[in-house]
Structure formats: C-alpha cells, structure tokens
Amino acid sequence: MTALGNTLYLGLLCFAVSFVIGCLVALMLNGIKKGQGVFRTIWYLPAVASSVATSQIFNILLEYDGGVLNNMITQAGGTPIYWQYSYGWMVFWIVFYSTWLGLGNSTLVWLAALQSQDSSVLEASRLDGCNKAQTFFYISIPQMMPLITYMIINGFIGAINIYETVLFISDGGPMGQTQVLVYKIMRAGFWDNDFG
C-alpha cells in the first residue's frame, strides 16, 4: 500500500509540475519569433538524453562528500546535507529530475496546441476587449481541449509507470520511503528472486 501511495503521489506530482511548467514554457516560446527552432531544440534536449547518464551526473551533484551542491553550501558557510537520507529532499529531487526530463515533450505538445488554434477566433476575442488571461482561459483552453486530454491521459499513464527516476535518484530510499509499484515489482523479481 505504501508503494501504491508513493506511485500515485510521486507520479501525479511529477505530471502536474511538468504539465504547468510545460504550458508556461510553451507560452514563452510561442511569443518568440526569431530563432524559435533553436529554442525548441534547447528545451527538447533533456528528452533525448540518456536517463542513465544524466542521472549519474545528477547523483554527482547530490553526493555528500565532494558533491557540487554540498561544496557550494560549504563555500557559503552552511553545513552539507545528506540528500539521500531525507524523504522530503528525495521527493523534491525526483520531481525536479522527472520534470527536467519530461519538459521537452510537454512543451512541444503545448506548443502544437497553441499553434493549432483558430486565429480568427483569437482576433475576435481581442476585438471584443478580452485581455490575454481571459483569451487564454476562455478561448484558447476550450480550443486546445483535445490535446490537453491527450496530455492528461499520457501523463496519468506515465505517472503510474514511474520507475527509472526513483531507481536512479533515490533507489527507493531513504529506508524504502520512495519505493513505487514498478520499483517494488522489479526488486522482488530480479533482486530477491521472488518470481511469484
């Protein structure tokens, strides 16, 4: 039950953060006219990077002795943090890393949704006196609902299948507090040889 709760909590938290930040980045990229392709490529790079390699680099940042973040904290006069021994910090870093990895896909789908809107309806809303927030929430969102529904369904499936991030960042720790269902199944089957 703990693994099920962690799966829902971590997966849906990762999805929600990626969904909102992806929307904000897509709104920013949609406003850029020059070099839009370059900026799209930069935002999409984490999605094509190897999660094994990037997570190892990420773990180097989080090491207690000699880790980049702890060195910066020490230089500023603080005390180093045992990142891997804190449930709160592990949840934060799992969400941060998952968001960083999934931001490219989320941003591109949001950008496609923003650019598929009927421009005549947007122009009519501006002529009728709608501000940007009203146009977005009352005109754009209803037009983008098919793609938003697609993102929500895909996001929920991804939330239930969260595994790699937990394996590479926290390894289910501290003390098994960040174990998720897929991680627990893999650990039972391949580490503990409990195939039943």
C-alpha atoms as a PDB file:
ATOM      1  CA  MET A   1       0.000   0.000   0.000  1.00  0.00           C
ATOM      2  CA  THR A   2       2.916   2.339   0.694  1.00  0.00           C
ATOM      3  CA  ALA A   3       4.310   1.694  -2.786  1.00  0.00           C
ATOM      4  CA  LEU A   4       0.881   2.336  -4.323  1.00  0.00           C
ATOM      5  CA  GLY A   5       0.553   5.604  -2.391  1.00  0.00           C
ATOM      6  CA  ASN A   6       4.070   6.646  -3.427  1.00  0.00           C
ATOM      7  CA  THR A   7       3.308   5.785  -7.044  1.00  0.00           C
ATOM      8  CA  LEU A   8       0.232   7.994  -7.096  1.00  0.00           C
ATOM      9  CA  TYR A   9       1.831  10.791  -5.067  1.00  0.00           C
ATOM     10  CA  LEU A  10       5.175  10.970  -6.906  1.00  0.00           C
ATOM     11  CA  GLY A  11       3.771  10.225 -10.348  1.00  0.00           C
ATOM     12  CA  LEU A  12       0.930  12.734 -10.191  1.00  0.00           C
ATOM     13  CA  LEU A  13       3.179  15.369  -8.613  1.00  0.00           C
ATOM     14  CA  CYS A  14       5.738  14.918 -11.415  1.00  0.00           C
ATOM     15  CA  PHE A  15       2.974  15.087 -14.023  1.00  0.00           C
ATOM     16  CA  ALA A  16       1.339  18.193 -12.535  1.00  0.00           C
ATOM     17  CA  VAL A  17       4.600  20.140 -12.278  1.00  0.00           C
ATOM     18  CA  SER A  18       5.665  19.153 -15.803  1.00  0.00           C
ATOM     19  CA  PHE A  19       2.191  19.977 -17.174  1.00  0.00           C
ATOM     20  CA  VAL A  20       2.133  23.504 -15.696  1.00  0.00           C
ATOM     21  CA  ILE A  21       5.774  24.373 -16.422  1.00  0.00           C
ATOM     22  CA  GLY A  22       5.438  22.941 -19.952  1.00  0.00           C
ATOM     23  CA  CYS A  23       2.472  25.259 -20.540  1.00  0.00           C
ATOM     24  CA  LEU A  24       4.398  28.289 -19.272  1.00  0.00           C
ATOM     25  CA  VAL A  25       7.468  27.471 -21.387  1.00  0.00           C
ATOM     26  CA  ALA A  26       5.272  26.887 -24.458  1.00  0.00           C
ATOM     27  CA  LEU A  27       3.591  30.274 -23.928  1.00  0.00           C
ATOM     28  CA  MET A  28       7.042  31.857 -23.727  1.00  0.00           C
ATOM     29  CA  LEU A  29       8.310  30.031 -26.842  1.00  0.00           C
ATOM     30  CA  ASN A  30       5.123  30.858 -28.752  1.00  0.00           C
ATOM     31  CA  GLY A  31       5.876  34.556 -28.294  1.00  0.00           C
ATOM     32  CA  ILE A  32       9.397  34.237 -29.766  1.00  0.00           C
ATOM     33  CA  LYS A  33       9.510  34.957 -33.469  1.00  0.00           C
ATOM     34  CA  LYS A  34      13.249  34.792 -34.278  1.00  0.00           C
ATOM     35  CA  GLY A  35      15.178  31.581 -33.621  1.00  0.00           C
ATOM     36  CA  GLN A  36      12.155  29.609 -32.439  1.00  0.00           C
ATOM     37  CA  GLY A  37      13.646  26.350 -33.773  1.00  0.00           C
ATOM     38  CA  VAL A  38      16.840  26.840 -31.750  1.00  0.00           C
ATOM     39  CA  PHE A  39      14.915  27.434 -28.527  1.00  0.00           C
ATOM     40  CA  ARG A  40      12.678  24.409 -29.170  1.00  0.00           C
ATOM     41  CA  THR A  41      15.771  22.253 -29.661  1.00  0.00           C
ATOM     42  CA  ILE A  42      17.341  23.506 -26.425  1.00  0.00           C
ATOM     43  CA  TRP A  43      14.173  22.735 -24.436  1.00  0.00           C
ATOM     44  CA  TYR A  44      13.862  19.289 -26.024  1.00  0.00           C
ATOM     45  CA  LEU A  45      17.469  18.157 -25.400  1.00  0.00           C
ATOM     46  CA  PRO A  46      16.811  16.545 -21.977  1.00  0.00           C
ATOM     47  CA  ALA A  47      14.126  14.327 -23.531  1.00  0.00           C
ATOM     48  CA  VAL A  48      16.636  12.713 -25.923  1.00  0.00           C
ATOM     49  CA  ALA A  49      19.492  12.479 -23.413  1.00  0.00           C
ATOM     50  CA  SER A  50      20.153   9.114 -21.803  1.00  0.00           C
ATOM     51  CA  SER A  51      18.447   8.989 -18.423  1.00  0.00           C
ATOM     52  CA  VAL A  52      21.152   6.659 -17.094  1.00  0.00           C
ATOM     53  CA  ALA A  53      23.935   9.112 -17.969  1.00  0.00           C
ATOM     54  CA  THR A  54      22.112  12.233 -16.824  1.00  0.00           C
ATOM     55  CA  SER A  55      21.029  10.625 -13.552  1.00  0.00           C
ATOM     56  CA  GLN A  56      24.641   9.698 -12.780  1.00  0.00           C
ATOM     57  CA  ILE A  57      25.675  13.299 -13.368  1.00  0.00           C
ATOM     58  CA  PHE A  58      22.762  14.338 -11.181  1.00  0.00           C
ATOM     59  CA  ASN A  59      23.894  11.984  -8.410  1.00  0.00           C
ATOM     60  CA  ILE A  60      27.374  13.532  -8.546  1.00  0.00           C
ATOM     61  CA  LEU A  61      25.701  16.852  -7.772  1.00  0.00           C
ATOM     62  CA  LEU A  62      23.973  15.314  -4.730  1.00  0.00           C
ATOM     63  CA  GLU A  63      26.897  13.427  -3.157  1.00  0.00           C
ATOM     64  CA  TYR A  64      27.536  14.236   0.483  1.00  0.00           C
ATOM     65  CA  ASP A  65      31.346  14.269   0.254  1.00  0.00           C
ATOM     66  CA  GLY A  66      32.541  16.266  -2.734  1.00  0.00           C
ATOM     67  CA  GLY A  67      29.143  16.788  -4.332  1.00  0.00           C
ATOM     68  CA  VAL A  68      28.739  20.021  -6.239  1.00  0.00           C
ATOM     69  CA  LEU A  69      25.727  21.238  -4.256  1.00  0.00           C
ATOM     70  CA  ASN A  70      27.292  20.440  -0.882  1.00  0.00           C
ATOM     71  CA  ASN A  71      30.536  22.128  -1.946  1.00  0.00           C
ATOM     72  CA  MET A  72      28.546  25.263  -2.807  1.00  0.00           C
ATOM     73  CA  ILE A  73      26.710  25.094   0.536  1.00  0.00           C
ATOM     74  CA  THR A  74      30.016  24.666   2.394  1.00  0.00           C
ATOM     75  CA  GLN A  75      31.583  27.578   0.499  1.00  0.00           C
ATOM     76  CA  ALA A  76      28.618  29.743   1.549  1.00  0.00           C
ATOM     77  CA  GLY A  77      29.237  28.798   5.200  1.00  0.00           C
ATOM     78  CA  GLY A  78      26.492  26.197   5.583  1.00  0.00           C
ATOM     79  CA  THR A  79      26.621  22.552   6.586  1.00  0.00           C
ATOM     80  CA  PRO A  80      26.427  19.802   3.953  1.00  0.00           C
ATOM     81  CA  ILE A  81      23.113  17.996   3.545  1.00  0.00           C
ATOM     82  CA  TYR A  82      22.607  14.209   3.381  1.00  0.00           C
ATOM     83  CA  TRP A  83      20.239  14.437   0.402  1.00  0.00           C
ATOM     84  CA  GLN A  84      19.716  10.659   0.149  1.00  0.00           C
ATOM     85  CA  TYR A  85      18.697  10.352   3.829  1.00  0.00           C
ATOM     86  CA  SER A  86      15.851  12.862   3.682  1.00  0.00           C
ATOM     87  CA  TYR A  87      12.433  11.821   2.348  1.00  0.00           C
ATOM     88  CA  GLY A  88      11.463  15.427   1.606  1.00  0.00           C
ATOM     89  CA  TRP A  89      14.616  16.124  -0.363  1.00  0.00           C
ATOM     90  CA  MET A  90      14.344  12.844  -2.291  1.00  0.00           C
ATOM     91  CA  VAL A  91      10.765  13.664  -3.292  1.00  0.00           C
ATOM     92  CA  PHE A  92      11.913  17.135  -4.383  1.00  0.00           C
ATOM     93  CA  TRP A  93      14.826  15.769  -6.465  1.00  0.00           C
ATOM     94  CA  ILE A  94      12.705  13.009  -8.023  1.00  0.00           C
ATOM     95  CA  VAL A  95      10.101  15.588  -9.082  1.00  0.00           C
ATOM     96  CA  PHE A  96      12.808  18.015 -10.238  1.00  0.00           C
ATOM     97  CA  TYR A  97      14.612  15.385 -12.326  1.00  0.00           C
ATOM     98  CA  SER A  98      11.389  13.955 -13.797  1.00  0.00           C
ATOM     99  CA  THR A  99      10.203  17.430 -14.713  1.00  0.00           C
ATOM    100  CA  TRP A 100      13.533  18.241 -16.323  1.00  0.00           C
ATOM    101  CA  LEU A 101      13.387  15.018 -18.382  1.00  0.00           C
ATOM    102  CA  GLY A 102       9.731  15.376 -19.416  1.00  0.00           C
ATOM    103  CA  LEU A 103       9.646  19.109 -20.017  1.00  0.00           C
ATOM    104  CA  GLY A 104      10.625  18.834 -23.682  1.00  0.00           C
ATOM    105  CA  ASN A 105       7.705  16.562 -24.600  1.00  0.00           C
ATOM    106  CA  SER A 106       5.218  18.556 -22.561  1.00  0.00           C
ATOM    107  CA  THR A 107       6.399  21.847 -24.044  1.00  0.00           C
ATOM    108  CA  LEU A 108       6.208  20.599 -27.633  1.00  0.00           C
ATOM    109  CA  VAL A 109       2.666  19.275 -27.224  1.00  0.00           C
ATOM    110  CA  TRP A 110       1.570  22.541 -25.568  1.00  0.00           C
ATOM    111  CA  LEU A 111       3.269  24.486 -28.362  1.00  0.00           C
ATOM    112  CA  ALA A 112       1.471  22.397 -31.006  1.00  0.00           C
ATOM    113  CA  ALA A 113      -1.807  23.031 -29.200  1.00  0.00           C
ATOM    114  CA  LEU A 114      -1.168  26.783 -29.025  1.00  0.00           C
ATOM    115  CA  GLN A 115      -0.294  26.980 -32.714  1.00  0.00           C
ATOM    116  CA  SER A 116      -3.286  24.909 -33.840  1.00  0.00           C
ATOM    117  CA  GLN A 117      -5.830  27.436 -32.573  1.00  0.00           C
ATOM    118  CA  ASP A 118      -8.149  29.270 -34.941  1.00  0.00           C
ATOM    119  CA  SER A 119      -6.569  32.715 -35.272  1.00  0.00           C
ATOM    120  CA  SER A 120      -9.842  34.354 -36.340  1.00  0.00           C
ATOM    121  CA  VAL A 121     -11.458  33.392 -33.008  1.00  0.00           C
ATOM    122  CA  LEU A 122      -8.461  34.801 -31.108  1.00  0.00           C
ATOM    123  CA  GLU A 123      -8.639  38.024 -33.112  1.00  0.00           C
ATOM    124  CA  ALA A 124     -12.388  38.313 -32.471  1.00  0.00           C
ATOM    125  CA  SER A 125     -11.799  37.927 -28.719  1.00  0.00           C
ATOM    126  CA  ARG A 126      -9.209  40.713 -28.781  1.00  0.00           C
ATOM    127  CA  LEU A 127     -11.607  42.970 -30.712  1.00  0.00           C
ATOM    128  CA  ASP A 128     -14.296  42.251 -28.127  1.00  0.00           C
ATOM    129  CA  GLY A 129     -11.988  43.519 -25.381  1.00  0.00           C
ATOM    130  CA  CYS A 130     -10.620  40.319 -23.837  1.00  0.00           C
ATOM    131  CA  ASN A 131      -7.255  40.631 -22.117  1.00  0.00           C
ATOM    132  CA  LYS A 132      -4.580  37.948 -22.523  1.00  0.00           C
ATOM    133  CA  ALA A 133      -5.654  35.961 -19.454  1.00  0.00           C
ATOM    134  CA  GLN A 134      -9.314  35.924 -20.497  1.00  0.00           C
ATOM    135  CA  THR A 135      -8.360  34.943 -24.042  1.00  0.00           C
ATOM    136  CA  PHE A 136      -6.208  32.088 -22.749  1.00  0.00           C
ATOM    137  CA  PHE A 137      -8.678  30.655 -20.237  1.00  0.00           C
ATOM    138  CA  TYR A 138     -11.962  31.238 -22.099  1.00  0.00           C
ATOM    139  CA  ILE A 139     -10.924  30.948 -25.757  1.00  0.00           C
ATOM    140  CA  SER A 140      -7.613  29.067 -26.050  1.00  0.00           C
ATOM    141  CA  ILE A 141      -8.168  26.323 -23.451  1.00  0.00           C
ATOM    142  CA  PRO A 142     -11.514  25.178 -24.955  1.00  0.00           C
ATOM    143  CA  GLN A 143      -9.926  25.086 -28.431  1.00  0.00           C
ATOM    144  CA  MET A 144      -6.995  23.021 -27.121  1.00  0.00           C
ATOM    145  CA  MET A 145      -9.064  20.501 -25.120  1.00  0.00           C
ATOM    146  CA  PRO A 146      -8.370  17.511 -27.434  1.00  0.00           C
ATOM    147  CA  LEU A 147      -4.607  17.916 -26.990  1.00  0.00           C
ATOM    148  CA  ILE A 148      -4.963  18.700 -23.287  1.00  0.00           C
ATOM    149  CA  THR A 149      -6.983  15.491 -22.868  1.00  0.00           C
ATOM    150  CA  TYR A 150      -4.241  13.582 -24.708  1.00  0.00           C
ATOM    151  CA  MET A 151      -1.605  15.070 -22.367  1.00  0.00           C
ATOM    152  CA  ILE A 152      -3.636  14.205 -19.263  1.00  0.00           C
ATOM    153  CA  ILE A 153      -4.150  10.580 -20.362  1.00  0.00           C
ATOM    154  CA  ASN A 154      -0.474  10.164 -21.311  1.00  0.00           C
ATOM    155  CA  GLY A 155       0.582  11.903 -18.109  1.00  0.00           C
ATOM    156  CA  PHE A 156      -1.526   9.576 -15.973  1.00  0.00           C
ATOM    157  CA  ILE A 157      -0.054   6.519 -17.711  1.00  0.00           C
ATOM    158  CA  GLY A 158       3.438   7.933 -17.181  1.00  0.00           C
ATOM    159  CA  ALA A 159       2.624   8.684 -13.540  1.00  0.00           C
ATOM    160  CA  ILE A 160       1.642   5.088 -12.870  1.00  0.00           C
ATOM    161  CA  ASN A 161       4.790   3.801 -14.626  1.00  0.00           C
ATOM    162  CA  ILE A 162       7.273   5.982 -12.742  1.00  0.00           C
ATOM    163  CA  TYR A 163      10.328   3.799 -12.190  1.00  0.00           C
ATOM    164  CA  GLU A 164      13.610   4.962 -13.709  1.00  0.00           C
ATOM    165  CA  THR A 165      13.747   8.228 -11.829  1.00  0.00           C
ATOM    166  CA  VAL A 166      13.153   6.536  -8.485  1.00  0.00           C
ATOM    167  CA  LEU A 167      15.738   3.843  -9.292  1.00  0.00           C
ATOM    168  CA  PHE A 168      18.444   6.252 -10.405  1.00  0.00           C
ATOM    169  CA  ILE A 169      17.888   9.138  -7.978  1.00  0.00           C
ATOM    170  CA  SER A 170      16.791   7.612  -4.663  1.00  0.00           C
ATOM    171  CA  ASP A 171      16.987   3.815  -5.197  1.00  0.00           C
ATOM    172  CA  GLY A 172      13.745   3.600  -3.239  1.00  0.00           C
ATOM    173  CA  GLY A 173      15.290   5.278  -0.205  1.00  0.00           C
ATOM    174  CA  PRO A 174      15.574   6.537   2.355  1.00  0.00           C
ATOM    175  CA  MET A 175      14.562   3.311   4.105  1.00  0.00           C
ATOM    176  CA  GLY A 176      12.186   2.357   1.253  1.00  0.00           C
ATOM    177  CA  GLN A 177      10.068   5.507   1.660  1.00  0.00           C
ATOM    178  CA  THR A 178      10.149   6.396  -2.055  1.00  0.00           C
ATOM    179  CA  GLN A 179       9.515   2.883  -3.391  1.00  0.00           C
ATOM    180  CA  VAL A 180       6.909   2.817  -6.147  1.00  0.00           C
ATOM    181  CA  LEU A 181       4.980  -0.170  -7.539  1.00  0.00           C
ATOM    182  CA  VAL A 182       7.156  -0.855 -10.586  1.00  0.00           C
ATOM    183  CA  TYR A 183      10.316  -0.489  -8.486  1.00  0.00           C
ATOM    184  CA  LYS A 184       8.909  -2.916  -5.893  1.00  0.00           C
ATOM    185  CA  ILE A 185       7.973  -5.448  -8.601  1.00  0.00           C
ATOM    186  CA  MET A 186      11.435  -5.231 -10.216  1.00  0.00           C
ATOM    187  CA  ARG A 187      13.177  -5.507  -6.848  1.00  0.00           C
ATOM    188  CA  ALA A 188      11.085  -8.531  -5.783  1.00  0.00           C
ATOM    189  CA  GLY A 189      11.574 -10.316  -9.096  1.00  0.00           C
ATOM    190  CA  PHE A 190      15.175  -9.579 -10.023  1.00  0.00           C
ATOM    191  CA  TRP A 191      16.954  -8.770  -6.752  1.00  0.00           C
ATOM    192  CA  ASP A 192      15.092 -11.012  -4.301  1.00  0.00           C
ATOM    193  CA  ASN A 193      14.286 -13.783  -6.851  1.00  0.00           C
ATOM    194  CA  ASP A 194      10.673 -13.786  -5.654  1.00  0.00           C
ATOM    195  CA  PHE A 195       9.128 -14.505  -9.055  1.00  0.00           C
ATOM    196  CA  GLY A 196       5.718 -15.430  -7.638  1.00  0.00           C
END
